[in-house]
Amino acid sequence: MADWVGREILPHERDLRIWLQRRFVAADDVEDIVQECYCRLAQLPDVSGIGSPRAYLFTMARNLAYRQRRTATVVRIEPIADTDADHLHSDLPSPERVAVARQELGRVQAALATLSDRARRIFLMRRVEGISQKEIAATLGVSEVIVENEASRSLRTILKLMTEPAEGPGTATTKAASRARTR
């Protein structure tokens, strides 16, 4: 659950705060609404049914803002604009998010290409397909120690390449690839 919140919700927190300030509530109340959203997300038993986490978060915040307005003892004059509500219900990611995802996928593929065939196969079986080390060892005819070592080494290599700044051809990624293949 914490991984999901970090991956799917936290990137939208800044946008949510700005959106709340512009549309619904005074700056003092934004923090309360954002925290209430996190509390409610933490109480969810399962998040697998949430198809669009951004839309879910914004809808939850909007509903909390409406409830806060209804129960407030002081009536505020600012109107509640519902003009942006239409785009919140879209299940499609924004063009920017698609572009960033494609770039990241390209970087992951380039990082995977730096691994030897066996290391890449072990890594994909373990991390993508979720196969146990024991099953991988039996399938490939190697020991579990080899599977564990290859998976660890591959993960370190990929993480290192993914955390390096994106560079052009002939730079660090190519050098790392030649080093990884010689092992």
C-alpha atoms as a PDB file:
ATOM      1  CA  MET A   1       0.000   0.000   0.000  1.00  0.00           C
ATOM      2  CA  ALA A   2       2.775   2.435   0.904  1.00  0.00           C
ATOM      3  CA  ASP A   3       4.509   1.660  -2.416  1.00  0.00           C
ATOM      4  CA  TRP A   4       1.286   2.395  -4.276  1.00  0.00           C
ATOM      5  CA  VAL A   5       0.766   5.707  -2.463  1.00  0.00           C
ATOM      6  CA  GLY A   6       4.363   6.708  -3.142  1.00  0.00           C
ATOM      7  CA  ARG A   7       4.159   5.763  -6.793  1.00  0.00           C
ATOM      8  CA  GLU A   8       0.591   6.762  -7.697  1.00  0.00           C
ATOM      9  CA  ILE A   9      -0.467   9.490  -5.234  1.00  0.00           C
ATOM     10  CA  LEU A  10       2.567  11.467  -4.037  1.00  0.00           C
ATOM     11  CA  PRO A  11       3.497  12.734  -7.525  1.00  0.00           C
ATOM     12  CA  HIS A  12       0.106  14.510  -7.638  1.00  0.00           C
ATOM     13  CA  GLU A  13       0.211  16.132  -4.192  1.00  0.00           C
ATOM     14  CA  ARG A  14       1.576  19.473  -5.405  1.00  0.00           C
ATOM     15  CA  ASP A  15      -1.007  19.667  -8.209  1.00  0.00           C
ATOM     16  CA  LEU A  16      -3.736  18.772  -5.709  1.00  0.00           C
ATOM     17  CA  ARG A  17      -2.715  21.568  -3.337  1.00  0.00           C
ATOM     18  CA  ILE A  18      -2.678  24.133  -6.136  1.00  0.00           C
ATOM     19  CA  TRP A  19      -5.991  22.890  -7.481  1.00  0.00           C
ATOM     20  CA  LEU A  20      -7.634  23.037  -4.040  1.00  0.00           C
ATOM     21  CA  GLN A  21      -6.390  26.562  -3.414  1.00  0.00           C
ATOM     22  CA  ARG A  22      -7.651  27.783  -6.767  1.00  0.00           C
ATOM     23  CA  ARG A  23     -11.021  26.085  -6.712  1.00  0.00           C
ATOM     24  CA  PHE A  24     -12.317  25.273  -3.299  1.00  0.00           C
ATOM     25  CA  VAL A  25     -10.735  26.258  -0.053  1.00  0.00           C
ATOM     26  CA  ALA A  26      -8.681  28.831   1.757  1.00  0.00           C
ATOM     27  CA  ALA A  27      -4.966  28.134   2.027  1.00  0.00           C
ATOM     28  CA  ASP A  28      -5.388  27.277   5.725  1.00  0.00           C
ATOM     29  CA  ASP A  29      -7.748  24.385   4.946  1.00  0.00           C
ATOM     30  CA  VAL A  30      -5.757  22.807   2.117  1.00  0.00           C
ATOM     31  CA  GLU A  31      -3.408  20.973   4.494  1.00  0.00           C
ATOM     32  CA  ASP A  32      -6.345  19.475   6.405  1.00  0.00           C
ATOM     33  CA  ILE A  33      -7.971  18.182   3.241  1.00  0.00           C
ATOM     34  CA  VAL A  34      -4.728  16.700   1.897  1.00  0.00           C
ATOM     35  CA  GLN A  35      -4.050  14.946   5.205  1.00  0.00           C
ATOM     36  CA  GLU A  36      -7.617  13.656   5.344  1.00  0.00           C
ATOM     37  CA  CYS A  37      -7.120  12.204   1.840  1.00  0.00           C
ATOM     38  CA  TYR A  38      -4.020  10.328   3.012  1.00  0.00           C
ATOM     39  CA  CYS A  39      -5.866   9.049   6.085  1.00  0.00           C
ATOM     40  CA  ARG A  40      -8.701   7.746   3.944  1.00  0.00           C
ATOM     41  CA  LEU A  41      -6.297   6.146   1.474  1.00  0.00           C
ATOM     42  CA  ALA A  42      -4.520   4.399   4.359  1.00  0.00           C
ATOM     43  CA  GLN A  43      -7.836   2.942   5.510  1.00  0.00           C
ATOM     44  CA  LEU A  44      -8.602   1.343   2.143  1.00  0.00           C
ATOM     45  CA  PRO A  45      -8.381  -2.450   2.356  1.00  0.00           C
ATOM     46  CA  ASP A  46      -7.458  -2.789  -1.341  1.00  0.00           C
ATOM     47  CA  VAL A  47      -6.417  -0.302  -4.025  1.00  0.00           C
ATOM     48  CA  SER A  48      -6.411  -2.684  -6.974  1.00  0.00           C
ATOM     49  CA  GLY A  49      -9.842  -1.465  -8.076  1.00  0.00           C
ATOM     50  CA  ILE A  50      -8.655   2.126  -8.480  1.00  0.00           C
ATOM     51  CA  GLY A  51      -8.072   2.554 -12.192  1.00  0.00           C
ATOM     52  CA  SER A  52      -7.071   6.205 -12.142  1.00  0.00           C
ATOM     53  CA  PRO A  53      -5.371   7.129  -8.867  1.00  0.00           C
ATOM     54  CA  ARG A  54      -5.087  10.827  -9.798  1.00  0.00           C
ATOM     55  CA  ALA A  55      -8.800  11.117 -10.541  1.00  0.00           C
ATOM     56  CA  TYR A  56      -9.600   9.173  -7.366  1.00  0.00           C
ATOM     57  CA  LEU A  57      -7.443  11.514  -5.260  1.00  0.00           C
ATOM     58  CA  PHE A  58      -8.875  14.692  -6.785  1.00  0.00           C
ATOM     59  CA  THR A  59     -12.448  13.432  -6.479  1.00  0.00           C
ATOM     60  CA  MET A  60     -11.878  12.496  -2.853  1.00  0.00           C
ATOM     61  CA  ALA A  61     -10.412  15.952  -2.143  1.00  0.00           C
ATOM     62  CA  ARG A  62     -13.295  17.676  -3.919  1.00  0.00           C
ATOM     63  CA  ASN A  63     -15.842  15.713  -1.880  1.00  0.00           C
ATOM     64  CA  LEU A  64     -14.003  16.553   1.341  1.00  0.00           C
ATOM     65  CA  ALA A  65     -13.974  20.234   0.353  1.00  0.00           C
ATOM     66  CA  TYR A  66     -17.713  20.128  -0.327  1.00  0.00           C
ATOM     67  CA  ARG A  67     -18.340  18.472   3.029  1.00  0.00           C
ATOM     68  CA  GLN A  68     -16.152  21.024   4.779  1.00  0.00           C
ATOM     69  CA  ARG A  69     -18.079  23.849   3.121  1.00  0.00           C
ATOM     70  CA  ARG A  70     -21.445  22.399   4.161  1.00  0.00           C
ATOM     71  CA  THR A  71     -20.442  21.986   7.786  1.00  0.00           C
ATOM     72  CA  ALA A  72     -18.538  25.267   8.158  1.00  0.00           C
ATOM     73  CA  THR A  73     -19.999  27.724  10.658  1.00  0.00           C
ATOM     74  CA  VAL A  74     -18.825  30.664   8.582  1.00  0.00           C
ATOM     75  CA  VAL A  75     -20.260  30.845   5.104  1.00  0.00           C
ATOM     76  CA  ARG A  76     -17.605  31.618   2.520  1.00  0.00           C
ATOM     77  CA  ILE A  77     -18.403  33.745  -0.485  1.00  0.00           C
ATOM     78  CA  GLU A  78     -16.074  32.050  -2.997  1.00  0.00           C
ATOM     79  CA  PRO A  79     -17.944  29.915  -5.531  1.00  0.00           C
ATOM     80  CA  ILE A  80     -17.068  26.277  -5.939  1.00  0.00           C
ATOM     81  CA  ALA A  81     -16.097  25.832  -9.566  1.00  0.00           C
ATOM     82  CA  ASP A  82     -16.820  22.491 -11.110  1.00  0.00           C
ATOM     83  CA  THR A  83     -15.316  23.344 -14.484  1.00  0.00           C
ATOM     84  CA  ASP A  84     -12.304  21.069 -14.113  1.00  0.00           C
ATOM     85  CA  ALA A  85     -14.278  18.070 -12.869  1.00  0.00           C
ATOM     86  CA  ASP A  86     -14.708  16.652 -16.374  1.00  0.00           C
ATOM     87  CA  HIS A  87     -11.009  16.010 -16.953  1.00  0.00           C
ATOM     88  CA  LEU A  88     -10.640  14.337 -13.562  1.00  0.00           C
ATOM     89  CA  HIS A  89     -12.801  11.398 -14.554  1.00  0.00           C
ATOM     90  CA  SER A  90     -10.703  10.454 -17.548  1.00  0.00           C
ATOM     91  CA  ASP A  91      -8.999   7.093 -17.251  1.00  0.00           C
ATOM     92  CA  LEU A  92      -6.415   8.101 -19.846  1.00  0.00           C
ATOM     93  CA  PRO A  93      -3.040   9.402 -18.682  1.00  0.00           C
ATOM     94  CA  SER A  94      -2.007  12.879 -19.760  1.00  0.00           C
ATOM     95  CA  PRO A  95       0.228  13.204 -22.836  1.00  0.00           C
ATOM     96  CA  GLU A  96       3.064  14.341 -20.574  1.00  0.00           C
ATOM     97  CA  ARG A  97       2.720  11.244 -18.418  1.00  0.00           C
ATOM     98  CA  VAL A  98       2.705   9.007 -21.509  1.00  0.00           C
ATOM     99  CA  ALA A  99       5.882  10.677 -22.809  1.00  0.00           C
ATOM    100  CA  VAL A 100       7.656  10.307 -19.461  1.00  0.00           C
ATOM    101  CA  ALA A 101       6.568   6.664 -19.195  1.00  0.00           C
ATOM    102  CA  ARG A 102       7.917   5.941 -22.688  1.00  0.00           C
ATOM    103  CA  GLN A 103      11.248   7.540 -21.806  1.00  0.00           C
ATOM    104  CA  GLU A 104      11.474   5.507 -18.606  1.00  0.00           C
ATOM    105  CA  LEU A 105      10.589   2.313 -20.473  1.00  0.00           C
ATOM    106  CA  GLY A 106      13.357   3.059 -22.960  1.00  0.00           C
ATOM    107  CA  ARG A 107      15.824   3.544 -20.116  1.00  0.00           C
ATOM    108  CA  VAL A 108      14.734   0.263 -18.492  1.00  0.00           C
ATOM    109  CA  GLN A 109      15.096  -1.579 -21.800  1.00  0.00           C
ATOM    110  CA  ALA A 110      18.545  -0.069 -22.317  1.00  0.00           C
ATOM    111  CA  ALA A 111      19.541  -1.075 -18.788  1.00  0.00           C
ATOM    112  CA  LEU A 112      18.261  -4.624 -19.366  1.00  0.00           C
ATOM    113  CA  ALA A 113      20.273  -4.792 -22.594  1.00  0.00           C
ATOM    114  CA  THR A 114      23.464  -4.305 -20.566  1.00  0.00           C
ATOM    115  CA  LEU A 115      22.930  -7.637 -18.783  1.00  0.00           C
ATOM    116  CA  SER A 116      24.132 -11.002 -20.043  1.00  0.00           C
ATOM    117  CA  ASP A 117      21.431 -13.261 -21.489  1.00  0.00           C
ATOM    118  CA  ARG A 118      21.316 -15.466 -18.385  1.00  0.00           C
ATOM    119  CA  ALA A 119      21.297 -12.505 -15.987  1.00  0.00           C
ATOM    120  CA  ARG A 120      18.526 -10.792 -17.963  1.00  0.00           C
ATOM    121  CA  ARG A 121      16.451 -13.978 -18.055  1.00  0.00           C
ATOM    122  CA  ILE A 122      16.884 -14.542 -14.301  1.00  0.00           C
ATOM    123  CA  PHE A 123      16.062 -10.915 -13.544  1.00  0.00           C
ATOM    124  CA  LEU A 124      12.893 -10.939 -15.660  1.00  0.00           C
ATOM    125  CA  MET A 125      11.727 -14.270 -14.281  1.00  0.00           C
ATOM    126  CA  ARG A 126      12.300 -13.121 -10.696  1.00  0.00           C
ATOM    127  CA  ARG A 127      11.225  -9.470 -10.781  1.00  0.00           C
ATOM    128  CA  VAL A 128       8.668  -9.332 -13.594  1.00  0.00           C
ATOM    129  CA  GLU A 129       7.115 -12.788 -13.578  1.00  0.00           C
ATOM    130  CA  GLY A 130       7.495 -13.289  -9.814  1.00  0.00           C
ATOM    131  CA  ILE A 131       8.903 -16.803 -10.073  1.00  0.00           C
ATOM    132  CA  SER A 132      10.686 -18.116  -6.979  1.00  0.00           C
ATOM    133  CA  GLN A 133      14.467 -18.568  -6.935  1.00  0.00           C
ATOM    134  CA  LYS A 134      14.014 -22.300  -6.503  1.00  0.00           C
ATOM    135  CA  GLU A 135      11.802 -22.572  -9.608  1.00  0.00           C
ATOM    136  CA  ILE A 136      14.184 -20.430 -11.663  1.00  0.00           C
ATOM    137  CA  ALA A 137      17.137 -22.572 -10.593  1.00  0.00           C
ATOM    138  CA  ALA A 138      15.270 -25.737 -11.608  1.00  0.00           C
ATOM    139  CA  THR A 139      14.167 -24.246 -14.938  1.00  0.00           C
ATOM    140  CA  LEU A 140      17.649 -23.012 -15.891  1.00  0.00           C
ATOM    141  CA  GLY A 141      19.561 -25.928 -14.374  1.00  0.00           C
ATOM    142  CA  VAL A 142      21.666 -23.769 -12.058  1.00  0.00           C
ATOM    143  CA  SER A 143      21.961 -23.481  -8.290  1.00  0.00           C
ATOM    144  CA  GLU A 144      19.800 -21.172  -6.207  1.00  0.00           C
ATOM    145  CA  VAL A 145      22.953 -19.317  -5.165  1.00  0.00           C
ATOM    146  CA  ILE A 146      23.648 -18.439  -8.799  1.00  0.00           C
ATOM    147  CA  VAL A 147      20.069 -17.250  -9.239  1.00  0.00           C
ATOM    148  CA  GLU A 148      20.298 -15.123  -6.090  1.00  0.00           C
ATOM    149  CA  ASN A 149      23.672 -13.639  -7.071  1.00  0.00           C
ATOM    150  CA  GLU A 150      22.623 -12.906 -10.657  1.00  0.00           C
ATOM    151  CA  ALA A 151      19.333 -11.327  -9.536  1.00  0.00           C
ATOM    152  CA  SER A 152      21.108  -9.126  -6.969  1.00  0.00           C
ATOM    153  CA  ARG A 153      23.869  -8.089  -9.350  1.00  0.00           C
ATOM    154  CA  SER A 154      21.341  -7.365 -12.103  1.00  0.00           C
ATOM    155  CA  LEU A 155      19.171  -5.272  -9.796  1.00  0.00           C
ATOM    156  CA  ARG A 156      22.176  -3.233  -8.642  1.00  0.00           C
ATOM    157  CA  THR A 157      23.273  -2.679 -12.250  1.00  0.00           C
ATOM    158  CA  ILE A 158      19.806  -1.624 -13.391  1.00  0.00           C
ATOM    159  CA  LEU A 159      19.262   0.669 -10.414  1.00  0.00           C
ATOM    160  CA  LYS A 160      22.644   2.287 -10.995  1.00  0.00           C
ATOM    161  CA  LEU A 161      21.873   2.872 -14.660  1.00  0.00           C
ATOM    162  CA  MET A 162      18.380   4.167 -13.881  1.00  0.00           C
ATOM    163  CA  THR A 163      19.646   6.685 -11.330  1.00  0.00           C
ATOM    164  CA  GLU A 164      22.322   8.075 -13.661  1.00  0.00           C
ATOM    165  CA  PRO A 165      21.215  11.114 -15.651  1.00  0.00           C
ATOM    166  CA  ALA A 166      19.933  10.257 -19.123  1.00  0.00           C
ATOM    167  CA  GLU A 167      22.785  10.729 -21.565  1.00  0.00           C
ATOM    168  CA  GLY A 168      23.300  10.493 -25.279  1.00  0.00           C
ATOM    169  CA  PRO A 169      24.799   7.564 -27.198  1.00  0.00           C
ATOM    170  CA  GLY A 170      28.414   6.672 -26.569  1.00  0.00           C
ATOM    171  CA  THR A 171      28.418   7.804 -22.947  1.00  0.00           C
ATOM    172  CA  ALA A 172      27.971   6.188 -19.547  1.00  0.00           C
ATOM    173  CA  THR A 173      25.184   3.784 -20.573  1.00  0.00           C
ATOM    174  CA  THR A 174      27.281   2.329 -23.420  1.00  0.00           C
ATOM    175  CA  LYS A 175      30.331   2.076 -21.155  1.00  0.00           C
ATOM    176  CA  ALA A 176      28.280   0.370 -18.436  1.00  0.00           C
ATOM    177  CA  ALA A 177      26.909  -2.045 -21.034  1.00  0.00           C
ATOM    178  CA  SER A 178      30.362  -3.107 -22.167  1.00  0.00           C
ATOM    179  CA  ARG A 179      31.472  -3.555 -18.525  1.00  0.00           C
ATOM    180  CA  ALA A 180      28.382  -5.624 -17.657  1.00  0.00           C
ATOM    181  CA  ARG A 181      28.811  -7.942 -20.649  1.00  0.00           C
ATOM    182  CA  THR A 182      32.434  -8.696 -19.827  1.00  0.00           C
ATOM    183  CA  ARG A 183      31.570 -10.118 -16.396  1.00  0.00           C
END
